Amino acid sequence: MDHKTKGWNLAKSSHQKSMLANLVKDLIRHGKVDTTVTKAKEASRFADRMVTLAKKGDGQARRKAFSFLNDKKAVSKLFEEVANGYEDRQGGYTRVLRLPPRRGDGAEMARLTFVE
């Protein structure tokens, strides 16, 4: 039986966690990230969770966000700027837009952005 297999297996678990955290950090900092479709879909799940934590706005939510992101500047931008735009929205804070394939190896590319 395949228990505990929710999501994609992108790499070893420690590398996968740090890679997804870096994608979410870059999304918070720059507003968009270009990556492969699989990574974008998986990072979208975690970005939505971070925005939900930021909407709560209490100390415990800030600590949970920091434990995932490990970046004080990204956490403060998430809580002060990003979360304010989604007070009325109940979910679906990010979207994945398909891009043309990468020239080097033909991988399917996508752009992960916040919904305006």
N, C-alpha and C. Protein backbone atom coordinates (compact mmCIF):
# COMPACT_ATOMS: atom_id res chain seq x y z
N MET A 1 0.83 -1.17 0.00
CA MET A 1 0.00 0.00 0.00
C MET A 1 0.88 1.24 0.00
N ASP A 2 0.43 2.29 -0.67
CA ASP A 2 1.19 3.53 -0.75
C ASP A 2 0.66 4.53 0.27
N HIS A 3 1.08 4.38 1.49
CA HIS A 3 0.72 5.35 2.51
C HIS A 3 1.76 6.46 2.54
N LYS A 4 1.36 7.63 2.95
CA LYS A 4 2.24 8.80 3.09
C LYS A 4 2.92 9.15 1.77
N THR A 5 2.19 9.11 0.68
CA THR A 5 2.77 9.45 -0.61
C THR A 5 2.00 10.59 -1.27
N LYS A 6 1.50 11.51 -0.47
CA LYS A 6 0.79 12.64 -1.04
C LYS A 6 1.78 13.59 -1.70
N GLY A 7 1.52 14.00 -2.91
CA GLY A 7 2.40 14.91 -3.61
C GLY A 7 3.41 14.15 -4.46
N TRP A 8 4.31 14.89 -5.07
CA TRP A 8 5.30 14.33 -5.97
C TRP A 8 6.57 14.00 -5.22
N ASN A 9 7.25 12.95 -5.62
CA ASN A 9 8.56 12.63 -5.08
C ASN A 9 9.60 13.25 -6.01
N LEU A 10 10.10 14.43 -5.63
CA LEU A 10 11.02 15.15 -6.50
C LEU A 10 12.48 14.82 -6.23
N ALA A 11 12.80 14.45 -5.01
CA ALA A 11 14.18 14.15 -4.64
C ALA A 11 14.16 13.52 -3.26
N LYS A 12 15.33 13.38 -2.63
CA LYS A 12 15.36 12.94 -1.25
C LYS A 12 14.61 13.96 -0.41
N SER A 13 14.05 13.53 0.70
CA SER A 13 13.12 14.38 1.44
C SER A 13 13.76 15.68 1.92
N SER A 14 15.00 15.63 2.39
CA SER A 14 15.63 16.86 2.88
C SER A 14 15.89 17.84 1.73
N HIS A 15 16.35 17.33 0.60
CA HIS A 15 16.58 18.19 -0.56
C HIS A 15 15.27 18.73 -1.11
N GLN A 16 14.24 17.90 -1.11
CA GLN A 16 12.94 18.32 -1.62
C GLN A 16 12.37 19.44 -0.76
N LYS A 17 12.49 19.31 0.57
CA LYS A 17 11.95 20.34 1.47
C LYS A 17 12.67 21.66 1.27
N SER A 18 14.00 21.62 1.17
CA SER A 18 14.74 22.86 0.99
C SER A 18 14.49 23.47 -0.39
N MET A 19 14.33 22.64 -1.42
CA MET A 19 14.06 23.14 -2.76
C MET A 19 12.70 23.84 -2.81
N LEU A 20 11.68 23.21 -2.21
CA LEU A 20 10.35 23.82 -2.20
C LEU A 20 10.34 25.09 -1.36
N ALA A 21 11.06 25.09 -0.25
CA ALA A 21 11.15 26.31 0.58
C ALA A 21 11.81 27.44 -0.20
N ASN A 22 12.84 27.12 -0.97
CA ASN A 22 13.51 28.15 -1.77
C ASN A 22 12.59 28.67 -2.87
N LEU A 23 11.80 27.80 -3.49
CA LEU A 23 10.86 28.26 -4.51
C LEU A 23 9.81 29.19 -3.90
N VAL A 24 9.30 28.84 -2.72
CA VAL A 24 8.29 29.68 -2.07
C VAL A 24 8.90 31.01 -1.64
N LYS A 25 10.14 30.98 -1.14
CA LYS A 25 10.83 32.23 -0.76
C LYS A 25 10.98 33.14 -1.96
N ASP A 26 11.41 32.60 -3.10
CA ASP A 26 11.57 33.41 -4.30
C ASP A 26 10.23 33.94 -4.80
N LEU A 27 9.19 33.15 -4.66
CA LEU A 27 7.86 33.62 -5.04
C LEU A 27 7.43 34.80 -4.18
N ILE A 28 7.69 34.73 -2.88
CA ILE A 28 7.33 35.82 -1.99
C ILE A 28 8.15 37.07 -2.31
N ARG A 29 9.44 36.89 -2.55
CA ARG A 29 10.32 38.03 -2.82
C ARG A 29 10.01 38.70 -4.16
N HIS A 30 9.87 37.90 -5.22
CA HIS A 30 9.79 38.45 -6.57
C HIS A 30 8.40 38.43 -7.18
N GLY A 31 7.47 37.70 -6.60
CA GLY A 31 6.12 37.65 -7.12
C GLY A 31 5.91 36.61 -8.20
N LYS A 32 6.98 36.03 -8.73
CA LYS A 32 6.85 34.98 -9.75
C LYS A 32 8.11 34.13 -9.74
N VAL A 33 7.96 32.89 -10.18
CA VAL A 33 9.07 31.95 -10.27
C VAL A 33 8.87 31.11 -11.52
N ASP A 34 9.92 30.96 -12.33
CA ASP A 34 9.87 30.08 -13.49
C ASP A 34 10.59 28.78 -13.14
N THR A 35 9.89 27.66 -13.28
CA THR A 35 10.44 26.35 -12.95
C THR A 35 9.71 25.30 -13.76
N THR A 36 9.96 24.03 -13.49
CA THR A 36 9.25 22.98 -14.21
C THR A 36 7.81 22.89 -13.69
N VAL A 37 6.96 22.28 -14.46
CA VAL A 37 5.54 22.20 -14.11
C VAL A 37 5.34 21.43 -12.80
N THR A 38 6.03 20.32 -12.64
CA THR A 38 5.87 19.50 -11.44
C THR A 38 6.28 20.25 -10.19
N LYS A 39 7.42 20.92 -10.26
CA LYS A 39 7.89 21.68 -9.10
C LYS A 39 6.95 22.85 -8.81
N ALA A 40 6.43 23.49 -9.84
CA ALA A 40 5.53 24.62 -9.65
C ALA A 40 4.24 24.18 -8.97
N LYS A 41 3.69 23.05 -9.38
CA LYS A 41 2.45 22.56 -8.77
C LYS A 41 2.66 22.20 -7.31
N GLU A 42 3.79 21.59 -7.00
CA GLU A 42 4.07 21.21 -5.62
C GLU A 42 4.36 22.44 -4.77
N ALA A 43 5.11 23.41 -5.29
CA ALA A 43 5.41 24.63 -4.55
C ALA A 43 4.15 25.46 -4.34
N SER A 44 3.20 25.35 -5.24
CA SER A 44 1.95 26.09 -5.11
C SER A 44 1.19 25.68 -3.85
N ARG A 45 1.22 24.38 -3.55
CA ARG A 45 0.56 23.90 -2.33
C ARG A 45 1.15 24.55 -1.08
N PHE A 46 2.48 24.63 -1.03
CA PHE A 46 3.14 25.19 0.14
C PHE A 46 2.98 26.70 0.20
N ALA A 47 2.98 27.37 -0.94
CA ALA A 47 2.79 28.82 -0.96
C ALA A 47 1.39 29.19 -0.44
N ASP A 48 0.39 28.39 -0.84
CA ASP A 48 -0.97 28.64 -0.34
C ASP A 48 -1.04 28.45 1.17
N ARG A 49 -0.33 27.46 1.68
CA ARG A 49 -0.30 27.25 3.14
C ARG A 49 0.35 28.43 3.85
N MET A 50 1.41 28.98 3.27
CA MET A 50 2.10 30.11 3.90
C MET A 50 1.20 31.35 3.92
N VAL A 51 0.45 31.57 2.85
CA VAL A 51 -0.45 32.73 2.82
C VAL A 51 -1.57 32.54 3.84
N THR A 52 -2.07 31.31 4.00
CA THR A 52 -3.09 31.04 5.00
C THR A 52 -2.55 31.31 6.40
N LEU A 53 -1.32 30.92 6.66
CA LEU A 53 -0.71 31.23 7.96
C LEU A 53 -0.58 32.74 8.15
N ALA A 54 -0.18 33.43 7.09
CA ALA A 54 0.01 34.88 7.18
C ALA A 54 -1.31 35.60 7.43
N LYS A 55 -2.40 35.05 6.91
CA LYS A 55 -3.70 35.67 7.15
C LYS A 55 -4.11 35.57 8.62
N LYS A 56 -3.67 34.49 9.31
CA LYS A 56 -3.94 34.38 10.74
C LYS A 56 -3.23 35.49 11.50
N GLY A 57 -1.95 35.69 11.19
CA GLY A 57 -1.21 36.84 11.70
C GLY A 57 -0.74 36.76 13.14
N ASP A 58 -0.94 35.65 13.85
CA ASP A 58 -0.50 35.60 15.24
C ASP A 58 0.94 35.09 15.32
N GLY A 59 1.47 35.05 16.52
CA GLY A 59 2.85 34.67 16.72
C GLY A 59 3.14 33.23 16.35
N GLN A 60 2.21 32.35 16.67
CA GLN A 60 2.42 30.93 16.34
C GLN A 60 2.47 30.73 14.83
N ALA A 61 1.62 31.42 14.09
CA ALA A 61 1.64 31.30 12.63
C ALA A 61 2.96 31.84 12.07
N ARG A 62 3.47 32.91 12.65
CA ARG A 62 4.75 33.48 12.21
C ARG A 62 5.89 32.49 12.47
N ARG A 63 5.86 31.80 13.61
CA ARG A 63 6.90 30.82 13.92
C ARG A 63 6.83 29.62 12.97
N LYS A 64 5.62 29.18 12.64
CA LYS A 64 5.47 28.06 11.69
C LYS A 64 5.98 28.45 10.30
N ALA A 65 5.67 29.66 9.87
CA ALA A 65 6.14 30.12 8.57
C ALA A 65 7.66 30.23 8.56
N PHE A 66 8.24 30.71 9.65
CA PHE A 66 9.70 30.82 9.71
C PHE A 66 10.36 29.45 9.74
N SER A 67 9.72 28.47 10.38
CA SER A 67 10.31 27.13 10.43
C SER A 67 10.36 26.50 9.04
N PHE A 68 9.46 26.89 8.15
CA PHE A 68 9.50 26.37 6.79
C PHE A 68 10.42 27.20 5.90
N LEU A 69 10.33 28.54 5.99
CA LEU A 69 11.07 29.41 5.07
C LEU A 69 12.50 29.69 5.50
N ASN A 70 12.75 29.77 6.81
CA ASN A 70 14.08 30.08 7.36
C ASN A 70 14.64 31.38 6.82
N ASP A 71 13.80 32.41 6.70
CA ASP A 71 14.24 33.71 6.20
C ASP A 71 13.35 34.79 6.82
N LYS A 72 13.92 35.63 7.69
CA LYS A 72 13.13 36.63 8.39
C LYS A 72 12.54 37.66 7.45
N LYS A 73 13.30 38.08 6.43
CA LYS A 73 12.79 39.09 5.50
C LYS A 73 11.60 38.56 4.70
N ALA A 74 11.69 37.32 4.26
CA ALA A 74 10.58 36.74 3.49
C ALA A 74 9.34 36.58 4.37
N VAL A 75 9.53 36.19 5.63
CA VAL A 75 8.39 36.02 6.54
C VAL A 75 7.73 37.36 6.80
N SER A 76 8.54 38.41 7.05
CA SER A 76 7.92 39.71 7.32
C SER A 76 7.23 40.27 6.07
N LYS A 77 7.78 40.05 4.87
CA LYS A 77 7.11 40.50 3.66
C LYS A 77 5.81 39.72 3.46
N LEU A 78 5.84 38.42 3.76
CA LEU A 78 4.64 37.59 3.62
C LEU A 78 3.54 38.09 4.55
N PHE A 79 3.87 38.37 5.80
CA PHE A 79 2.86 38.76 6.78
C PHE A 79 2.41 40.20 6.60
N GLU A 80 3.29 41.09 6.16
CA GLU A 80 2.93 42.51 6.09
C GLU A 80 2.38 42.93 4.73
N GLU A 81 2.87 42.34 3.64
CA GLU A 81 2.46 42.80 2.32
C GLU A 81 1.56 41.80 1.59
N VAL A 82 2.00 40.56 1.51
CA VAL A 82 1.30 39.58 0.68
C VAL A 82 -0.06 39.24 1.26
N ALA A 83 -0.14 39.01 2.57
CA ALA A 83 -1.39 38.56 3.19
C ALA A 83 -2.47 39.64 3.14
N ASN A 84 -2.09 40.91 3.10
CA ASN A 84 -3.09 41.98 3.08
C ASN A 84 -3.93 41.97 1.81
N GLY A 85 -3.40 41.47 0.72
CA GLY A 85 -4.14 41.43 -0.53
C GLY A 85 -5.15 40.30 -0.62
N TYR A 86 -5.13 39.37 0.34
CA TYR A 86 -5.98 38.20 0.24
C TYR A 86 -6.91 38.04 1.44
N GLU A 87 -7.28 39.13 2.09
CA GLU A 87 -8.16 39.04 3.27
C GLU A 87 -9.53 38.50 2.91
N ASP A 88 -10.03 38.82 1.71
CA ASP A 88 -11.37 38.39 1.32
C ASP A 88 -11.38 37.01 0.67
N ARG A 89 -10.25 36.55 0.23
CA ARG A 89 -10.16 35.31 -0.55
C ARG A 89 -10.04 34.11 0.38
N GLN A 90 -10.71 33.01 0.03
CA GLN A 90 -10.74 31.82 0.88
C GLN A 90 -9.77 30.72 0.43
N GLY A 91 -8.92 30.98 -0.51
CA GLY A 91 -7.97 29.98 -0.99
C GLY A 91 -7.62 30.24 -2.43
N GLY A 92 -6.71 29.46 -2.97
CA GLY A 92 -6.31 29.63 -4.36
C GLY A 92 -5.54 30.91 -4.57
N TYR A 93 -4.46 31.10 -3.82
CA TYR A 93 -3.69 32.34 -3.88
C TYR A 93 -2.65 32.34 -4.99
N THR A 94 -2.35 31.16 -5.53
CA THR A 94 -1.34 31.08 -6.58
C THR A 94 -1.92 30.43 -7.83
N ARG A 95 -1.22 30.62 -8.95
CA ARG A 95 -1.61 29.96 -10.19
C ARG A 95 -0.36 29.53 -10.93
N VAL A 96 -0.52 28.49 -11.73
CA VAL A 96 0.58 27.93 -12.52
C VAL A 96 0.25 28.15 -13.99
N LEU A 97 1.07 28.95 -14.66
CA LEU A 97 0.89 29.24 -16.08
C LEU A 97 1.93 28.47 -16.88
N ARG A 98 1.51 27.77 -17.91
CA ARG A 98 2.43 26.99 -18.73
C ARG A 98 3.25 27.91 -19.63
N LEU A 99 4.52 27.57 -19.79
CA LEU A 99 5.44 28.29 -20.66
C LEU A 99 5.93 27.33 -21.74
N PRO A 100 6.59 27.85 -22.78
CA PRO A 100 7.17 26.95 -23.80
C PRO A 100 8.24 26.06 -23.17
N PRO A 101 8.53 24.92 -23.80
CA PRO A 101 9.54 24.01 -23.24
C PRO A 101 10.92 24.66 -23.16
N ARG A 102 11.71 24.18 -22.22
CA ARG A 102 13.08 24.67 -22.06
C ARG A 102 13.92 24.23 -23.25
N ARG A 103 14.80 25.12 -23.72
CA ARG A 103 15.57 24.82 -24.93
C ARG A 103 16.57 23.70 -24.73
N GLY A 104 17.17 23.62 -23.57
CA GLY A 104 18.25 22.67 -23.38
C GLY A 104 17.80 21.22 -23.41
N ASP A 105 16.77 20.91 -22.64
CA ASP A 105 16.36 19.50 -22.53
C ASP A 105 14.89 19.28 -22.85
N GLY A 106 14.16 20.32 -23.21
CA GLY A 106 12.77 20.17 -23.60
C GLY A 106 11.81 19.96 -22.43
N ALA A 107 12.24 20.27 -21.22
CA ALA A 107 11.38 20.08 -20.05
C ALA A 107 10.21 21.05 -20.09
N GLU A 108 9.05 20.59 -19.62
CA GLU A 108 7.87 21.45 -19.57
C GLU A 108 8.07 22.50 -18.49
N MET A 109 7.96 23.76 -18.87
CA MET A 109 8.21 24.85 -17.94
C MET A 109 6.89 25.52 -17.56
N ALA A 110 6.91 26.18 -16.40
CA ALA A 110 5.72 26.88 -15.92
C ALA A 110 6.16 28.08 -15.10
N ARG A 111 5.26 29.04 -14.97
CA ARG A 111 5.50 30.22 -14.14
C ARG A 111 4.50 30.19 -12.99
N LEU A 112 5.02 30.24 -11.78
CA LEU A 112 4.21 30.26 -10.57
C LEU A 112 4.08 31.70 -10.12
N THR A 113 2.85 32.20 -10.02
CA THR A 113 2.62 33.59 -9.62
C THR A 113 1.49 33.65 -8.59
N PHE A 114 1.43 34.78 -7.91
CA PHE A 114 0.29 35.05 -7.03
C PHE A 114 -0.87 35.55 -7.87
N VAL A 115 -2.08 35.20 -7.48
CA VAL A 115 -3.27 35.70 -8.14
C VAL A 115 -3.48 37.14 -7.69
N GLU A 116 -3.78 38.02 -8.64
CA GLU A 116 -3.97 39.43 -8.28
C GLU A 116 -5.33 39.68 -7.69
